[in-house]
């Protein structure tokens, strides 16, 4: 009788193989899920970084637009023409009206 009980307690090779296959599949799925999560988080960080860079570029563009407007101002151009280039406003005799 003891021989029969010991046979019942030992697992069959076919059942062990099936158990190993299922454990391997489970571990493979777990590794794949972990890899997907890591990729997802990495993509989130990249998107966040790109958004911050985009906002910095928009701020720079707005500052450059303001600087361009100040450089194009007629008062500044007239001041440079008078002080640095020595230009004067033309008199009526110097003006030629083109029809």
C-alpha atoms as a PDB file:
ATOM      1  CA  UNK A   1       0.000   0.000   0.000  1.00  0.00           C
ATOM      2  CA  UNK A   2       2.780   2.409   0.655  1.00  0.00           C
ATOM      3  CA  UNK A   3       4.042   1.915  -2.856  1.00  0.00           C
ATOM      4  CA  UNK A   4       0.704   3.013  -4.245  1.00  0.00           C
ATOM      5  CA  UNK A   5       0.594   6.124  -2.077  1.00  0.00           C
ATOM      6  CA  UNK A   6       4.057   7.173  -3.152  1.00  0.00           C
ATOM      7  CA  UNK A   7       3.053   6.796  -6.814  1.00  0.00           C
ATOM      8  CA  UNK A   8       0.049   9.042  -6.311  1.00  0.00           C
ATOM      9  CA  UNK A   9       2.132  11.780  -4.689  1.00  0.00           C
ATOM     10  CA  UNK A  10       4.784  11.963  -7.418  1.00  0.00           C
ATOM     11  CA  UNK A  11       3.799  14.287 -10.229  1.00  0.00           C
ATOM     12  CA  UNK A  12       3.604  12.923 -13.732  1.00  0.00           C
ATOM     13  CA  UNK A  13       6.196  14.180 -16.243  1.00  0.00           C
ATOM     14  CA  UNK A  14       3.449  15.390 -18.612  1.00  0.00           C
ATOM     15  CA  UNK A  15       1.788  17.479 -15.891  1.00  0.00           C
ATOM     16  CA  UNK A  16       5.164  18.955 -14.892  1.00  0.00           C
ATOM     17  CA  UNK A  17       5.882  19.913 -18.503  1.00  0.00           C
ATOM     18  CA  UNK A  18       2.484  21.627 -18.821  1.00  0.00           C
ATOM     19  CA  UNK A  19       3.083  23.474 -15.548  1.00  0.00           C
ATOM     20  CA  UNK A  20       6.517  24.664 -16.764  1.00  0.00           C
ATOM     21  CA  UNK A  21       5.027  25.825 -20.071  1.00  0.00           C
ATOM     22  CA  UNK A  22       2.305  27.823 -18.302  1.00  0.00           C
ATOM     23  CA  UNK A  23       4.817  29.382 -15.895  1.00  0.00           C
ATOM     24  CA  UNK A  24       7.057  30.343 -18.822  1.00  0.00           C
ATOM     25  CA  UNK A  25       4.117  31.915 -20.657  1.00  0.00           C
ATOM     26  CA  UNK A  26       3.106  33.794 -17.505  1.00  0.00           C
ATOM     27  CA  UNK A  27       6.623  35.157 -17.007  1.00  0.00           C
ATOM     28  CA  UNK A  28       6.842  36.142 -20.682  1.00  0.00           C
ATOM     29  CA  UNK A  29       3.546  38.041 -20.418  1.00  0.00           C
ATOM     30  CA  UNK A  30       4.714  39.695 -17.201  1.00  0.00           C
ATOM     31  CA  UNK A  31       7.966  40.823 -18.833  1.00  0.00           C
ATOM     32  CA  UNK A  32       6.094  42.109 -21.882  1.00  0.00           C
ATOM     33  CA  UNK A  33       3.681  44.072 -19.681  1.00  0.00           C
ATOM     34  CA  UNK A  34       6.596  45.572 -17.730  1.00  0.00           C
ATOM     35  CA  UNK A  35       8.370  46.549 -20.963  1.00  0.00           C
ATOM     36  CA  UNK A  36       5.180  48.225 -22.250  1.00  0.00           C
ATOM     37  CA  UNK A  37       4.800  50.221 -19.033  1.00  0.00           C
ATOM     38  CA  UNK A  38       8.427  51.371 -19.155  1.00  0.00           C
ATOM     39  CA  UNK A  39       7.987  52.497 -22.776  1.00  0.00           C
ATOM     40  CA  UNK A  40       4.752  54.300 -21.849  1.00  0.00           C
ATOM     41  CA  UNK A  41       6.417  56.211 -19.005  1.00  0.00           C
ATOM     42  CA  UNK A  42       9.422  57.069 -21.199  1.00  0.00           C
ATOM     43  CA  UNK A  43       7.124  58.438 -23.891  1.00  0.00           C
ATOM     44  CA  UNK A  44       5.357  60.540 -21.258  1.00  0.00           C
ATOM     45  CA  UNK A  45       8.662  62.059 -20.174  1.00  0.00           C
ATOM     46  CA  UNK A  46       9.583  62.811 -23.785  1.00  0.00           C
ATOM     47  CA  UNK A  47       6.233  64.497 -24.406  1.00  0.00           C
ATOM     48  CA  UNK A  48       6.625  66.585 -21.249  1.00  0.00           C
ATOM     49  CA  UNK A  49      10.124  67.647 -22.270  1.00  0.00           C
ATOM     50  CA  UNK A  50       8.990  68.544 -25.789  1.00  0.00           C
ATOM     51  CA  UNK A  51       6.088  70.583 -24.395  1.00  0.00           C
ATOM     52  CA  UNK A  52       8.441  72.563 -22.134  1.00  0.00           C
ATOM     53  CA  UNK A  53      10.801  73.168 -25.066  1.00  0.00           C
ATOM     54  CA  UNK A  54       7.862  74.322 -27.201  1.00  0.00           C
ATOM     55  CA  UNK A  55       6.750  76.789 -24.526  1.00  0.00           C
ATOM     56  CA  UNK A  56      10.298  78.152 -24.252  1.00  0.00           C
ATOM     57  CA  UNK A  57      10.419  78.655 -28.027  1.00  0.00           C
ATOM     58  CA  UNK A  58       7.064  80.451 -28.014  1.00  0.00           C
ATOM     59  CA  UNK A  59       8.322  82.789 -25.272  1.00  0.00           C
ATOM     60  CA  UNK A  60      11.494  83.466 -27.253  1.00  0.00           C
ATOM     61  CA  UNK A  61       9.462  84.161 -30.394  1.00  0.00           C
ATOM     62  CA  UNK A  62       7.262  86.650 -28.549  1.00  0.00           C
ATOM     63  CA  UNK A  63      10.327  88.422 -27.136  1.00  0.00           C
ATOM     64  CA  UNK A  64      11.858  88.607 -30.610  1.00  0.00           C
ATOM     65  CA  UNK A  65       8.643  90.076 -32.032  1.00  0.00           C
ATOM     66  CA  UNK A  66       8.703  92.790 -29.375  1.00  0.00           C
ATOM     67  CA  UNK A  67      12.360  93.538 -30.081  1.00  0.00           C
ATOM     68  CA  UNK A  68      11.697  93.700 -33.834  1.00  0.00           C
ATOM     69  CA  UNK A  69       8.837  96.134 -33.297  1.00  0.00           C
ATOM     70  CA  UNK A  70      11.050  98.377 -31.186  1.00  0.00           C
ATOM     71  CA  UNK A  71      13.855  98.264 -33.777  1.00  0.00           C
ATOM     72  CA  UNK A  72      11.429  99.184 -36.577  1.00  0.00           C
ATOM     73  CA  UNK A  73       9.947 102.178 -34.740  1.00  0.00           C
ATOM     74  CA  UNK A  74      10.070 105.391 -36.811  1.00  0.00           C
ATOM     75  CA  UNK A  75      11.331 107.443 -33.835  1.00  0.00           C
ATOM     76  CA  UNK A  76      14.372 105.191 -33.456  1.00  0.00           C
ATOM     77  CA  UNK A  77      15.124 105.270 -37.186  1.00  0.00           C
ATOM     78  CA  UNK A  78      14.827 109.086 -37.277  1.00  0.00           C
ATOM     79  CA  UNK A  79      17.141 109.403 -34.260  1.00  0.00           C
ATOM     80  CA  UNK A  80      19.793 107.186 -35.895  1.00  0.00           C
ATOM     81  CA  UNK A  81      19.460 109.102 -39.184  1.00  0.00           C
ATOM     82  CA  UNK A  82      20.024 112.460 -37.455  1.00  0.00           C
ATOM     83  CA  UNK A  83      22.669 111.514 -34.886  1.00  0.00           C
ATOM     84  CA  UNK A  84      24.769 108.836 -36.563  1.00  0.00           C
ATOM     85  CA  UNK A  85      24.287 109.514 -40.273  1.00  0.00           C
ATOM     86  CA  UNK A  86      23.919 113.287 -40.162  1.00  0.00           C
ATOM     87  CA  UNK A  87      20.763 113.328 -42.284  1.00  0.00           C
ATOM     88  CA  UNK A  88      18.300 116.229 -42.153  1.00  0.00           C
ATOM     89  CA  UNK A  89      14.680 116.577 -43.090  1.00  0.00           C
ATOM     90  CA  UNK A  90      14.503 117.811 -46.704  1.00  0.00           C
ATOM     91  CA  UNK A  91      13.278 121.348 -47.423  1.00  0.00           C
ATOM     92  CA  UNK A  92      10.549 122.163 -49.944  1.00  0.00           C
ATOM     93  CA  UNK A  93      13.133 123.039 -52.586  1.00  0.00           C
ATOM     94  CA  UNK A  94      14.801 119.659 -52.240  1.00  0.00           C
ATOM     95  CA  UNK A  95      11.553 117.702 -52.649  1.00  0.00           C
ATOM     96  CA  UNK A  96      10.514 116.487 -56.087  1.00  0.00           C
ATOM     97  CA  UNK A  97       6.911 115.397 -56.413  1.00  0.00           C
ATOM     98  CA  UNK A  98       6.462 112.522 -58.833  1.00  0.00           C
ATOM     99  CA  UNK A  99       3.084 112.527 -60.586  1.00  0.00           C
END
